[in-house]
Amino acid sequence: MSTMNISLPDTLKSFVDDQVGQRGYGSSGEYVRDLIRKDQDRQQLRSMLLVGAHSESAEPADAAYFERLHQRVKRTTHLK
């Protein structure tokens, strides 16, 4: 694992310390790693949404489409 040192103003350092304590992180590094992972997930989701927004729709997103989707989710949930 590589090491990265960052400088923070006192107000941000206090905020990080508070978050570590309040959210049960073991260290400030653990908190920052979690933030970075969440940002990676957010960027991946944004990319997927943009790809989807620019693609042709396979079928209309009408009430029947959402009912089929709902039924598929229910079947998947029951399998777990």
PDB file of N, CA and C in Angstrom:
ATOM      1  N   MET A   1       0.851  -1.174   0.000  1.00  0.00           N
ATOM      2  CA  MET A   1       0.000   0.000   0.000  1.00  0.00           C
ATOM      3  C   MET A   1       0.893   1.232   0.000  1.00  0.00           C
ATOM      4  N   SER A   2       0.539   2.201  -0.813  1.00  0.00           N
ATOM      5  CA  SER A   2       1.282   3.455  -0.874  1.00  0.00           C
ATOM      6  C   SER A   2       0.798   4.420   0.195  1.00  0.00           C
ATOM      7  N   THR A   3       1.633   5.375   0.503  1.00  0.00           N
ATOM      8  CA  THR A   3       1.300   6.387   1.499  1.00  0.00           C
ATOM      9  C   THR A   3       1.156   7.732   0.810  1.00  0.00           C
ATOM     10  N   MET A   4       0.173   8.517   1.277  1.00  0.00           N
ATOM     11  CA  MET A   4      -0.038   9.866   0.764  1.00  0.00           C
ATOM     12  C   MET A   4      -0.235  10.780   1.956  1.00  0.00           C
ATOM     13  N   ASN A   5       0.493  11.848   1.993  1.00  0.00           N
ATOM     14  CA  ASN A   5       0.332  12.831   3.058  1.00  0.00           C
ATOM     15  C   ASN A   5      -0.418  14.029   2.508  1.00  0.00           C
ATOM     16  N   ILE A   6      -1.391  14.511   3.259  1.00  0.00           N
ATOM     17  CA  ILE A   6      -2.141  15.695   2.851  1.00  0.00           C
ATOM     18  C   ILE A   6      -2.139  16.713   3.977  1.00  0.00           C
ATOM     19  N   SER A   7      -2.208  17.959   3.595  1.00  0.00           N
ATOM     20  CA  SER A   7      -2.300  19.041   4.572  1.00  0.00           C
ATOM     21  C   SER A   7      -3.729  19.561   4.569  1.00  0.00           C
ATOM     22  N   LEU A   8      -4.264  19.755   5.767  1.00  0.00           N
ATOM     23  CA  LEU A   8      -5.624  20.263   5.908  1.00  0.00           C
ATOM     24  C   LEU A   8      -5.625  21.464   6.832  1.00  0.00           C
ATOM     25  N   PRO A   9      -6.486  22.436   6.528  1.00  0.00           N
ATOM     26  CA  PRO A   9      -6.674  23.517   7.503  1.00  0.00           C
ATOM     27  C   PRO A   9      -7.249  22.920   8.792  1.00  0.00           C
ATOM     28  N   ASP A  10      -7.051  23.613   9.884  1.00  0.00           N
ATOM     29  CA  ASP A  10      -7.514  23.106  11.181  1.00  0.00           C
ATOM     30  C   ASP A  10      -8.998  22.754  11.185  1.00  0.00           C
ATOM     31  N   THR A  11      -9.811  23.561  10.497  1.00  0.00           N
ATOM     32  CA  THR A  11     -11.260  23.292  10.491  1.00  0.00           C
ATOM     33  C   THR A  11     -11.571  21.964   9.811  1.00  0.00           C
ATOM     34  N   LEU A  12     -10.888  21.656   8.704  1.00  0.00           N
ATOM     35  CA  LEU A  12     -11.118  20.377   8.034  1.00  0.00           C
ATOM     36  C   LEU A  12     -10.566  19.219   8.844  1.00  0.00           C
ATOM     37  N   LYS A  13      -9.437  19.411   9.462  1.00  0.00           N
ATOM     38  CA  LYS A  13      -8.857  18.368  10.318  1.00  0.00           C
ATOM     39  C   LYS A  13      -9.813  18.042  11.457  1.00  0.00           C
ATOM     40  N   SER A  14     -10.399  19.066  12.069  1.00  0.00           N
ATOM     41  CA  SER A  14     -11.382  18.850  13.145  1.00  0.00           C
ATOM     42  C   SER A  14     -12.599  18.103  12.625  1.00  0.00           C
ATOM     43  N   PHE A  15     -13.046  18.470  11.426  1.00  0.00           N
ATOM     44  CA  PHE A  15     -14.192  17.794  10.831  1.00  0.00           C
ATOM     45  C   PHE A  15     -13.886  16.312  10.621  1.00  0.00           C
ATOM     46  N   VAL A  16     -12.728  16.012  10.051  1.00  0.00           N
ATOM     47  CA  VAL A  16     -12.334  14.628   9.820  1.00  0.00           C
ATOM     48  C   VAL A  16     -12.274  13.873  11.146  1.00  0.00           C
ATOM     49  N   ASP A  17     -11.647  14.464  12.148  1.00  0.00           N
ATOM     50  CA  ASP A  17     -11.552  13.821  13.457  1.00  0.00           C
ATOM     51  C   ASP A  17     -12.938  13.538  14.032  1.00  0.00           C
ATOM     52  N   ASP A  18     -13.852  14.488  13.883  1.00  0.00           N
ATOM     53  CA  ASP A  18     -15.222  14.293  14.364  1.00  0.00           C
ATOM     54  C   ASP A  18     -15.896  13.135  13.632  1.00  0.00           C
ATOM     55  N   GLN A  19     -15.719  13.078  12.324  1.00  0.00           N
ATOM     56  CA  GLN A  19     -16.335  12.012  11.528  1.00  0.00           C
ATOM     57  C   GLN A  19     -15.775  10.644  11.909  1.00  0.00           C
ATOM     58  N   VAL A  20     -14.491  10.592  12.148  1.00  0.00           N
ATOM     59  CA  VAL A  20     -13.861   9.328  12.562  1.00  0.00           C
ATOM     60  C   VAL A  20     -14.508   8.840  13.853  1.00  0.00           C
ATOM     61  N   GLY A  21     -14.666   9.738  14.804  1.00  0.00           N
ATOM     62  CA  GLY A  21     -15.267   9.360  16.085  1.00  0.00           C
ATOM     63  C   GLY A  21     -16.742   9.035  15.989  1.00  0.00           C
ATOM     64  N   GLN A  22     -17.489   9.852  15.270  1.00  0.00           N
ATOM     65  CA  GLN A  22     -18.941   9.690  15.199  1.00  0.00           C
ATOM     66  C   GLN A  22     -19.369   8.503  14.343  1.00  0.00           C
ATOM     67  N   ARG A  23     -18.600   8.201  13.323  1.00  0.00           N
ATOM     68  CA  ARG A  23     -19.010   7.163  12.383  1.00  0.00           C
ATOM     69  C   ARG A  23     -18.298   5.835  12.602  1.00  0.00           C
ATOM     70  N   GLY A  24     -17.449   5.778  13.602  1.00  0.00           N
ATOM     71  CA  GLY A  24     -16.825   4.516  13.960  1.00  0.00           C
ATOM     72  C   GLY A  24     -15.654   4.090  13.089  1.00  0.00           C
ATOM     73  N   TYR A  25     -15.034   5.019  12.406  1.00  0.00           N
ATOM     74  CA  TYR A  25     -13.835   4.680  11.638  1.00  0.00           C
ATOM     75  C   TYR A  25     -12.674   4.471  12.596  1.00  0.00           C
ATOM     76  N   GLY A  26     -11.740   3.630  12.197  1.00  0.00           N
ATOM     77  CA  GLY A  26     -10.581   3.362  13.039  1.00  0.00           C
ATOM     78  C   GLY A  26      -9.523   4.446  12.967  1.00  0.00           C
ATOM     79  N   SER A  27      -9.521   5.195  11.875  1.00  0.00           N
ATOM     80  CA  SER A  27      -8.504   6.231  11.693  1.00  0.00           C
ATOM     81  C   SER A  27      -8.970   7.221  10.631  1.00  0.00           C
ATOM     82  N   SER A  28      -8.261   8.334  10.552  1.00  0.00           N
ATOM     83  CA  SER A  28      -8.584   9.312   9.515  1.00  0.00           C
ATOM     84  C   SER A  28      -8.297   8.739   8.131  1.00  0.00           C
ATOM     85  N   GLY A  29      -7.278   7.891   8.027  1.00  0.00           N
ATOM     86  CA  GLY A  29      -6.976   7.258   6.747  1.00  0.00           C
ATOM     87  C   GLY A  29      -8.110   6.364   6.272  1.00  0.00           C
ATOM     88  N   GLU A  30      -8.712   5.645   7.205  1.00  0.00           N
ATOM     89  CA  GLU A  30      -9.845   4.774   6.875  1.00  0.00           C
ATOM     90  C   GLU A  30     -11.019   5.614   6.371  1.00  0.00           C
ATOM     91  N   TYR A  31     -11.255   6.742   7.029  1.00  0.00           N
ATOM     92  CA  TYR A  31     -12.330   7.645   6.618  1.00  0.00           C
ATOM     93  C   TYR A  31     -12.070   8.187   5.209  1.00  0.00           C
ATOM     94  N   VAL A  32     -10.860   8.632   4.947  1.00  0.00           N
ATOM     95  CA  VAL A  32     -10.524   9.194   3.634  1.00  0.00           C
ATOM     96  C   VAL A  32     -10.621   8.113   2.559  1.00  0.00           C
ATOM     97  N   ARG A  33     -10.147   6.902   2.843  1.00  0.00           N
ATOM     98  CA  ARG A  33     -10.269   5.808   1.872  1.00  0.00           C
ATOM     99  C   ARG A  33     -11.732   5.535   1.539  1.00  0.00           C
ATOM    100  N   ASP A  34     -12.603   5.576   2.555  1.00  0.00           N
ATOM    101  CA  ASP A  34     -14.025   5.365   2.329  1.00  0.00           C
ATOM    102  C   ASP A  34     -14.601   6.472   1.446  1.00  0.00           C
ATOM    103  N   LEU A  35     -14.200   7.705   1.698  1.00  0.00           N
ATOM    104  CA  LEU A  35     -14.666   8.819   0.866  1.00  0.00           C
ATOM    105  C   LEU A  35     -14.226   8.627  -0.582  1.00  0.00           C
ATOM    106  N   ILE A  36     -13.002   8.194  -0.782  1.00  0.00           N
ATOM    107  CA  ILE A  36     -12.489   7.998  -2.138  1.00  0.00           C
ATOM    108  C   ILE A  36     -13.244   6.867  -2.832  1.00  0.00           C
ATOM    109  N   ARG A  37     -13.489   5.773  -2.128  1.00  0.00           N
ATOM    110  CA  ARG A  37     -14.260   4.666  -2.719  1.00  0.00           C
ATOM    111  C   ARG A  37     -15.662   5.124  -3.108  1.00  0.00           C
ATOM    112  N   LYS A  38     -16.291   5.897  -2.241  1.00  0.00           N
ATOM    113  CA  LYS A  38     -17.634   6.397  -2.546  1.00  0.00           C
ATOM    114  C   LYS A  38     -17.601   7.329  -3.751  1.00  0.00           C
ATOM    115  N   ASP A  39     -16.558   8.125  -3.874  1.00  0.00           N
ATOM    116  CA  ASP A  39     -16.437   9.005  -5.033  1.00  0.00           C
ATOM    117  C   ASP A  39     -16.223   8.186  -6.303  1.00  0.00           C
ATOM    118  N   GLN A  40     -15.429   7.130  -6.222  1.00  0.00           N
ATOM    119  CA  GLN A  40     -15.249   6.241  -7.377  1.00  0.00           C
ATOM    120  C   GLN A  40     -16.588   5.633  -7.790  1.00  0.00           C
ATOM    121  N   ASP A  41     -17.365   5.166  -6.814  1.00  0.00           N
ATOM    122  CA  ASP A  41     -18.687   4.591  -7.103  1.00  0.00           C
ATOM    123  C   ASP A  41     -19.587   5.633  -7.751  1.00  0.00           C
ATOM    124  N   ARG A  42     -19.563   6.856  -7.227  1.00  0.00           N
ATOM    125  CA  ARG A  42     -20.394   7.933  -7.765  1.00  0.00           C
ATOM    126  C   ARG A  42     -20.010   8.237  -9.207  1.00  0.00           C
ATOM    127  N   GLN A  43     -18.717   8.283  -9.487  1.00  0.00           N
ATOM    128  CA  GLN A  43     -18.269   8.568 -10.847  1.00  0.00           C
ATOM    129  C   GLN A  43     -18.650   7.436 -11.799  1.00  0.00           C
ATOM    130  N   GLN A  44     -18.544   6.188 -11.333  1.00  0.00           N
ATOM    131  CA  GLN A  44     -18.933   5.053 -12.168  1.00  0.00           C
ATOM    132  C   GLN A  44     -20.429   5.100 -12.453  1.00  0.00           C
ATOM    133  N   LEU A  45     -21.235   5.388 -11.438  1.00  0.00           N
ATOM    134  CA  LEU A  45     -22.676   5.492 -11.628  1.00  0.00           C
ATOM    135  C   LEU A  45     -23.005   6.618 -12.603  1.00  0.00           C
ATOM    136  N   ARG A  46     -22.354   7.753 -12.450  1.00  0.00           N
ATOM    137  CA  ARG A  46     -22.588   8.886 -13.355  1.00  0.00           C
ATOM    138  C   ARG A  46     -22.264   8.497 -14.785  1.00  0.00           C
ATOM    139  N   SER A  47     -21.155   7.813 -14.974  1.00  0.00           N
ATOM    140  CA  SER A  47     -20.763   7.366 -16.309  1.00  0.00           C
ATOM    141  C   SER A  47     -21.806   6.432 -16.899  1.00  0.00           C
ATOM    142  N   MET A  48     -22.280   5.489 -16.094  1.00  0.00           N
ATOM    143  CA  MET A  48     -23.297   4.549 -16.565  1.00  0.00           C
ATOM    144  C   MET A  48     -24.603   5.275 -16.908  1.00  0.00           C
ATOM    145  N   LEU A  49     -24.964   6.260 -16.099  1.00  0.00           N
ATOM    146  CA  LEU A  49     -26.179   7.022 -16.375  1.00  0.00           C
ATOM    147  C   LEU A  49     -26.049   7.817 -17.671  1.00  0.00           C
ATOM    148  N   LEU A  50     -24.868   8.392 -17.900  1.00  0.00           N
ATOM    149  CA  LEU A  50     -24.658   9.140 -19.140  1.00  0.00           C
ATOM    150  C   LEU A  50     -24.704   8.235 -20.359  1.00  0.00           C
ATOM    151  N   VAL A  51     -24.106   7.055 -20.242  1.00  0.00           N
ATOM    152  CA  VAL A  51     -24.173   6.088 -21.347  1.00  0.00           C
ATOM    153  C   VAL A  51     -25.633   5.727 -21.615  1.00  0.00           C
ATOM    154  N   GLY A  52     -26.362   5.455 -20.559  1.00  0.00           N
ATOM    155  CA  GLY A  52     -27.773   5.103 -20.717  1.00  0.00           C
ATOM    156  C   GLY A  52     -28.592   6.240 -21.297  1.00  0.00           C
ATOM    157  N   ALA A  53     -28.303   7.460 -20.877  1.00  0.00           N
ATOM    158  CA  ALA A  53     -29.052   8.619 -21.363  1.00  0.00           C
ATOM    159  C   ALA A  53     -28.815   8.867 -22.847  1.00  0.00           C
ATOM    160  N   HIS A  54     -27.649   8.481 -23.339  1.00  0.00           N
ATOM    161  CA  HIS A  54     -27.321   8.703 -24.743  1.00  0.00           C
ATOM    162  C   HIS A  54     -27.614   7.498 -25.628  1.00  0.00           C
ATOM    163  N   SER A  55     -28.165   6.446 -25.056  1.00  0.00           N
ATOM    164  CA  SER A  55     -28.463   5.253 -25.841  1.00  0.00           C
ATOM    165  C   SER A  55     -29.931   5.254 -26.259  1.00  0.00           C
ATOM    166  N   GLU A  56     -30.191   4.480 -27.298  1.00  0.00           N
ATOM    167  CA  GLU A  56     -31.567   4.326 -27.753  1.00  0.00           C
ATOM    168  C   GLU A  56     -32.324   3.470 -26.748  1.00  0.00           C
ATOM    169  N   SER A  57     -33.548   3.809 -26.484  1.00  0.00           N
ATOM    170  CA  SER A  57     -34.332   2.998 -25.558  1.00  0.00           C
ATOM    171  C   SER A  57     -34.832   1.756 -26.280  1.00  0.00           C
ATOM    172  N   ALA A  58     -34.774   0.637 -25.593  1.00  0.00           N
ATOM    173  CA  ALA A  58     -35.200  -0.633 -26.170  1.00  0.00           C
ATOM    174  C   ALA A  58     -36.719  -0.756 -26.166  1.00  0.00           C
ATOM    175  N   GLU A  59     -37.339  -0.158 -25.200  1.00  0.00           N
ATOM    176  CA  GLU A  59     -38.795  -0.191 -25.106  1.00  0.00           C
ATOM    177  C   GLU A  59     -39.243   1.023 -24.305  1.00  0.00           C
ATOM    178  N   PRO A  60     -40.485   1.421 -24.474  1.00  0.00           N
ATOM    179  CA  PRO A  60     -40.962   2.595 -23.730  1.00  0.00           C
ATOM    180  C   PRO A  60     -41.002   2.324 -22.226  1.00  0.00           C
ATOM    181  N   ALA A  61     -40.667   3.322 -21.447  1.00  0.00           N
ATOM    182  CA  ALA A  61     -40.701   3.209 -19.983  1.00  0.00           C
ATOM    183  C   ALA A  61     -42.089   3.625 -19.507  1.00  0.00           C
ATOM    184  N   ASP A  62     -43.051   2.766 -19.788  1.00  0.00           N
ATOM    185  CA  ASP A  62     -44.430   3.039 -19.401  1.00  0.00           C
ATOM    186  C   ASP A  62     -44.800   2.203 -18.169  1.00  0.00           C
ATOM    187  N   ALA A  63     -46.058   2.230 -17.796  1.00  0.00           N
ATOM    188  CA  ALA A  63     -46.497   1.514 -16.590  1.00  0.00           C
ATOM    189  C   ALA A  63     -46.232   0.009 -16.709  1.00  0.00           C
ATOM    190  N   ALA A  64     -46.417  -0.550 -17.892  1.00  0.00           N
ATOM    191  CA  ALA A  64     -46.182  -1.986 -18.078  1.00  0.00           C
ATOM    192  C   ALA A  64     -44.705  -2.321 -17.896  1.00  0.00           C
ATOM    193  N   TYR A  65     -43.827  -1.468 -18.384  1.00  0.00           N
ATOM    194  CA  TYR A  65     -42.386  -1.679 -18.224  1.00  0.00           C
ATOM    195  C   TYR A  65     -42.025  -1.726 -16.742  1.00  0.00           C
ATOM    196  N   PHE A  66     -42.525  -0.765 -15.978  1.00  0.00           N
ATOM    197  CA  PHE A  66     -42.193  -0.712 -14.554  1.00  0.00           C
ATOM    198  C   PHE A  66     -42.830  -1.874 -13.780  1.00  0.00           C
ATOM    199  N   GLU A  67     -43.980  -2.333 -14.216  1.00  0.00           N
ATOM    200  CA  GLU A  67     -44.583  -3.500 -13.573  1.00  0.00           C
ATOM    201  C   GLU A  67     -43.728  -4.737 -13.822  1.00  0.00           C
ATOM    202  N   ARG A  68     -43.239  -4.936 -15.042  1.00  0.00           N
ATOM    203  CA  ARG A  68     -42.354  -6.067 -15.334  1.00  0.00           C
ATOM    204  C   ARG A  68     -41.069  -5.962 -14.514  1.00  0.00           C
ATOM    205  N   LEU A  69     -40.539  -4.768 -14.410  1.00  0.00           N
ATOM    206  CA  LEU A  69     -39.330  -4.556 -13.615  1.00  0.00           C
ATOM    207  C   LEU A  69     -39.599  -4.890 -12.152  1.00  0.00           C
ATOM    208  N   HIS A  70     -40.716  -4.435 -11.644  1.00  0.00           N
ATOM    209  CA  HIS A  70     -41.104  -4.714 -10.255  1.00  0.00           C
ATOM    210  C   HIS A  70     -41.203  -6.224 -10.016  1.00  0.00           C
ATOM    211  N   GLN A  71     -41.836  -6.935 -10.934  1.00  0.00           N
ATOM    212  CA  GLN A  71     -41.980  -8.389 -10.796  1.00  0.00           C
ATOM    213  C   GLN A  71     -40.621  -9.084 -10.842  1.00  0.00           C
ATOM    214  N   ARG A  72     -39.731  -8.607 -11.702  1.00  0.00           N
ATOM    215  CA  ARG A  72     -38.387  -9.193 -11.787  1.00  0.00           C
ATOM    216  C   ARG A  72     -37.625  -8.987 -10.483  1.00  0.00           C
ATOM    217  N   VAL A  73     -37.745  -7.811  -9.893  1.00  0.00           N
ATOM    218  CA  VAL A  73     -37.076  -7.534  -8.616  1.00  0.00           C
ATOM    219  C   VAL A  73     -37.653  -8.426  -7.527  1.00  0.00           C
ATOM    220  N   LYS A  74     -38.950  -8.593  -7.501  1.00  0.00           N
ATOM    221  CA  LYS A  74     -39.583  -9.459  -6.502  1.00  0.00           C
ATOM    222  C   LYS A  74     -39.089 -10.898  -6.627  1.00  0.00           C
ATOM    223  N   ARG A  75     -38.976 -11.394  -7.870  1.00  0.00           N
ATOM    224  CA  ARG A  75     -38.479 -12.770  -8.066  1.00  0.00           C
ATOM    225  C   ARG A  75     -37.039 -12.882  -7.591  1.00  0.00           C
ATOM    226  N   THR A  76     -36.229 -11.909  -7.906  1.00  0.00           N
ATOM    227  CA  THR A  76     -34.816 -11.922  -7.508  1.00  0.00           C
ATOM    228  C   THR A  76     -34.685 -11.852  -5.991  1.00  0.00           C
ATOM    229  N   THR A  77     -35.504 -11.033  -5.363  1.00  0.00           N
ATOM    230  CA  THR A  77     -35.460 -10.884  -3.906  1.00  0.00           C
ATOM    231  C   THR A  77     -35.865 -12.174  -3.209  1.00  0.00           C
ATOM    232  N   HIS A  78     -36.823 -12.874  -3.744  1.00  0.00           N
ATOM    233  CA  HIS A  78     -37.290 -14.118  -3.137  1.00  0.00           C
ATOM    234  C   HIS A  78     -36.268 -15.232  -3.271  1.00  0.00           C
ATOM    235  N   LEU A  79     -35.374 -15.125  -4.236  1.00  0.00           N
ATOM    236  CA  LEU A  79     -34.351 -16.156  -4.423  1.00  0.00           C
ATOM    237  C   LEU A  79     -33.256 -16.081  -3.376  1.00  0.00           C
ATOM    238  N   LYS A  80     -33.114 -14.956  -2.727  1.00  0.00           N
ATOM    239  CA  LYS A  80     -32.028 -14.778  -1.765  1.00  0.00           C
ATOM    240  C   LYS A  80     -32.387 -15.331  -0.420  1.00  0.00           C
TER     241      LYS A  80
END
